[in-house]
Protein backbone atom coordinates (compact mmCIF):
# COMPACT_ATOMS: atom_id res chain seq x y z
CA UNK A 1 56.82 22.53 -2.61
CA UNK A 2 55.11 19.70 -4.59
CA UNK A 3 56.55 16.47 -3.72
CA UNK A 4 57.99 17.48 -0.60
CA UNK A 5 57.09 15.22 2.35
CA UNK A 6 57.82 16.41 5.96
CA UNK A 7 57.48 14.93 9.39
CA UNK A 8 55.21 16.72 11.87
CA UNK A 9 56.19 19.98 13.18
CA UNK A 10 57.43 18.43 16.34
CA UNK A 11 59.97 16.20 14.50
CA UNK A 12 62.09 18.90 13.15
CA UNK A 13 62.52 22.56 13.60
CA UNK A 14 61.64 24.82 10.51
CA UNK A 15 62.02 28.51 9.81
CA UNK A 16 59.30 29.41 7.21
CA UNK A 17 60.45 31.46 4.19
CA UNK A 18 58.97 32.47 0.99
CA UNK A 19 60.54 33.62 -2.12
CA UNK A 20 59.62 37.14 -3.23
CA UNK A 21 57.80 37.70 -6.68
CA UNK A 22 54.67 36.41 -8.33
CA UNK A 23 54.26 32.76 -9.15
CA UNK A 24 57.06 31.66 -6.66
CA UNK A 25 56.23 28.69 -4.32
CA UNK A 26 56.79 28.99 -0.52
CA UNK A 27 59.52 27.26 0.65
CA UNK A 28 60.28 25.84 4.30
CA UNK A 29 63.87 26.46 5.11
CA UNK A 30 66.00 24.54 7.60
CA UNK A 31 67.38 26.96 10.37
CA UNK A 32 70.78 25.19 10.25
CA UNK A 33 71.56 25.85 6.54
CA UNK A 34 68.94 28.04 5.13
CA UNK A 35 68.44 25.19 2.67
CA UNK A 36 65.07 23.51 1.75
CA UNK A 37 64.19 20.56 3.99
CA UNK A 38 65.22 16.99 2.65
CA UNK A 39 62.53 15.27 0.78
CA UNK A 40 61.37 12.24 2.76
CA UNK A 41 60.16 8.96 1.41
CA UNK A 42 58.51 6.25 3.15
CA UNK A 43 58.61 2.34 3.70
CA UNK A 44 55.57 0.56 4.94
CA UNK A 45 56.49 -2.74 6.99
CA UNK A 46 54.46 -5.46 8.58
CA UNK A 47 55.05 -5.77 12.19
CA UNK A 48 56.83 -9.02 11.70
CA UNK A 49 59.15 -7.24 9.14
CA UNK A 50 59.77 -4.45 11.43
CA UNK A 51 60.52 -6.82 14.27
CA UNK A 52 63.10 -8.64 12.22
CA UNK A 53 64.57 -5.20 11.09
CA UNK A 54 64.75 -3.93 14.67
CA UNK A 55 66.70 -7.03 15.64
CA UNK A 56 69.25 -7.06 12.90
CA UNK A 57 69.44 -3.26 11.76
CA UNK A 58 68.99 -4.45 8.02
CA UNK A 59 66.00 -5.05 5.91
CA UNK A 60 66.52 -6.93 2.57
CA UNK A 61 62.86 -6.46 1.66
CA UNK A 62 59.53 -7.92 1.69
CA UNK A 63 58.67 -11.09 -0.51
CA UNK A 64 57.31 -8.53 -3.10
CA UNK A 65 60.51 -6.50 -2.83
CA UNK A 66 62.84 -9.58 -3.26
CA UNK A 67 60.61 -10.80 -5.94
CA UNK A 68 61.13 -7.52 -7.95
CA UNK A 69 64.89 -6.96 -7.03
CA UNK A 70 64.33 -3.50 -5.05
CA UNK A 71 62.74 -2.31 -2.09
CA UNK A 72 59.67 -0.38 -2.91
CA UNK A 73 59.06 2.94 -1.24
CA UNK A 74 56.68 5.84 -1.57
CA UNK A 75 56.77 9.45 -1.86
CA UNK A 76 54.49 11.21 0.64
CA UNK A 77 51.92 11.84 -2.10
CA UNK A 78 51.89 8.17 -3.05
CA UNK A 79 51.69 6.98 0.53
CA UNK A 80 47.86 6.68 0.85
CA UNK A 81 47.51 4.82 -2.45
CA UNK A 82 50.34 2.37 -1.56
CA UNK A 83 48.38 1.74 1.76
CA UNK A 84 45.07 1.11 0.01
CA UNK A 85 46.46 -0.97 -2.87
CA UNK A 86 49.00 -3.13 -0.95
CA UNK A 87 48.19 -3.19 2.68
CA UNK A 88 44.22 -2.89 3.16
CA UNK A 89 42.92 -5.43 5.49
CA UNK A 90 46.27 -6.29 6.97
CA UNK A 91 46.83 -5.79 10.78
CA UNK A 92 48.99 -3.17 12.21
CA UNK A 93 51.89 -1.76 10.19
CA UNK A 94 54.96 0.41 10.86
CA UNK A 95 55.59 3.47 8.79
CA UNK A 96 59.47 4.38 8.35
CA UNK A 97 60.88 7.59 6.94
CA UNK A 98 64.05 8.08 5.05
CA UNK A 99 65.69 11.12 3.52
CA UNK A 100 65.79 10.66 -0.12
CA UNK A 101 69.08 12.20 -0.84
CA UNK A 102 70.85 10.14 1.86
CA UNK A 103 70.02 6.85 0.10
CA UNK A 104 72.45 7.79 -2.52
CA UNK A 105 72.72 6.34 -5.96
CA UNK A 106 71.16 3.20 -4.87
CA UNK A 107 67.85 4.97 -4.87
CA UNK A 108 66.17 5.21 -8.39
CA UNK A 109 62.82 6.88 -9.48
CA UNK A 110 61.18 4.63 -11.81
CA UNK A 111 57.74 4.74 -13.61
CA UNK A 112 55.15 2.38 -11.92
CA UNK A 113 51.71 2.42 -10.65
CA UNK A 114 49.66 4.88 -12.85
CA UNK A 115 52.54 6.15 -14.96
CA UNK A 116 53.94 7.84 -11.99
CA UNK A 117 57.68 7.66 -10.83
CA UNK A 118 58.08 5.74 -7.57
CA UNK A 119 61.25 5.50 -5.41
CA UNK A 120 62.97 2.06 -5.64
CA UNK A 121 65.89 1.09 -3.44
CA UNK A 122 68.34 -1.20 -4.91
CA UNK A 123 70.22 -2.11 -1.64
CA UNK A 124 69.17 -3.32 1.72
CA UNK A 125 67.48 -0.75 4.01
CA UNK A 126 69.56 -0.05 7.11
CA UNK A 127 68.65 1.26 10.58
CA UNK A 128 70.98 4.34 9.86
CA UNK A 129 68.89 5.20 6.91
CA UNK A 130 65.63 5.66 8.98
CA UNK A 131 64.86 9.14 10.24
CA UNK A 132 61.89 7.78 12.33
CA UNK A 133 59.33 4.93 12.43
CA UNK A 134 55.88 4.96 13.96
CA UNK A 135 52.92 2.57 14.24
CA UNK A 136 50.19 2.55 11.63
CA UNK A 137 47.17 0.74 13.30
CA UNK A 138 44.10 -0.21 11.06
CA UNK A 139 40.84 1.34 11.42
CA UNK A 140 37.49 -0.49 11.83
CA UNK A 141 37.36 -0.90 8.13
CA UNK A 142 40.96 -2.31 7.72
CA UNK A 143 42.24 0.81 6.21
CA UNK A 144 45.44 2.34 7.53
CA UNK A 145 44.94 6.23 7.81
CA UNK A 146 47.86 8.20 7.90
CA UNK A 147 48.55 10.10 11.19
CA UNK A 148 46.84 13.53 11.28
CA UNK A 149 50.20 15.31 12.19
CA UNK A 150 52.07 13.86 9.35
CA UNK A 151 52.84 16.74 6.68
CA UNK A 152 52.95 15.22 3.11
């Protein structure tokens, strides 16, 4: 389903399902409820930001986040562009995944780069919000390629 981002297959169990009829999109259904899996959104942090977050369990935002009054997040299909525009040439990073619906009313989708709606979080990010995090090392050119097993 367009706009759905999911962790790799080892991260969560899935039961594939399809809706009958022409023109219907395939849905991956969760085995527990039969519902579509949650939409994941992502936060990219520097190693220093991540170390502070790990120590306190609360992330008040990067300097850019604090300047703008919200925490910048990305949907799966926006992640590569975010990394290229805002993090190219930086050292190792961390990628954190959150379930969009679990962030509640503090999550707003607002028009931003390229006229696209981006997720913005109007409260601190907490450790309880994070489903998983993983390293994003730079390649030889200073770009941060997404892990091959990350399903976006």
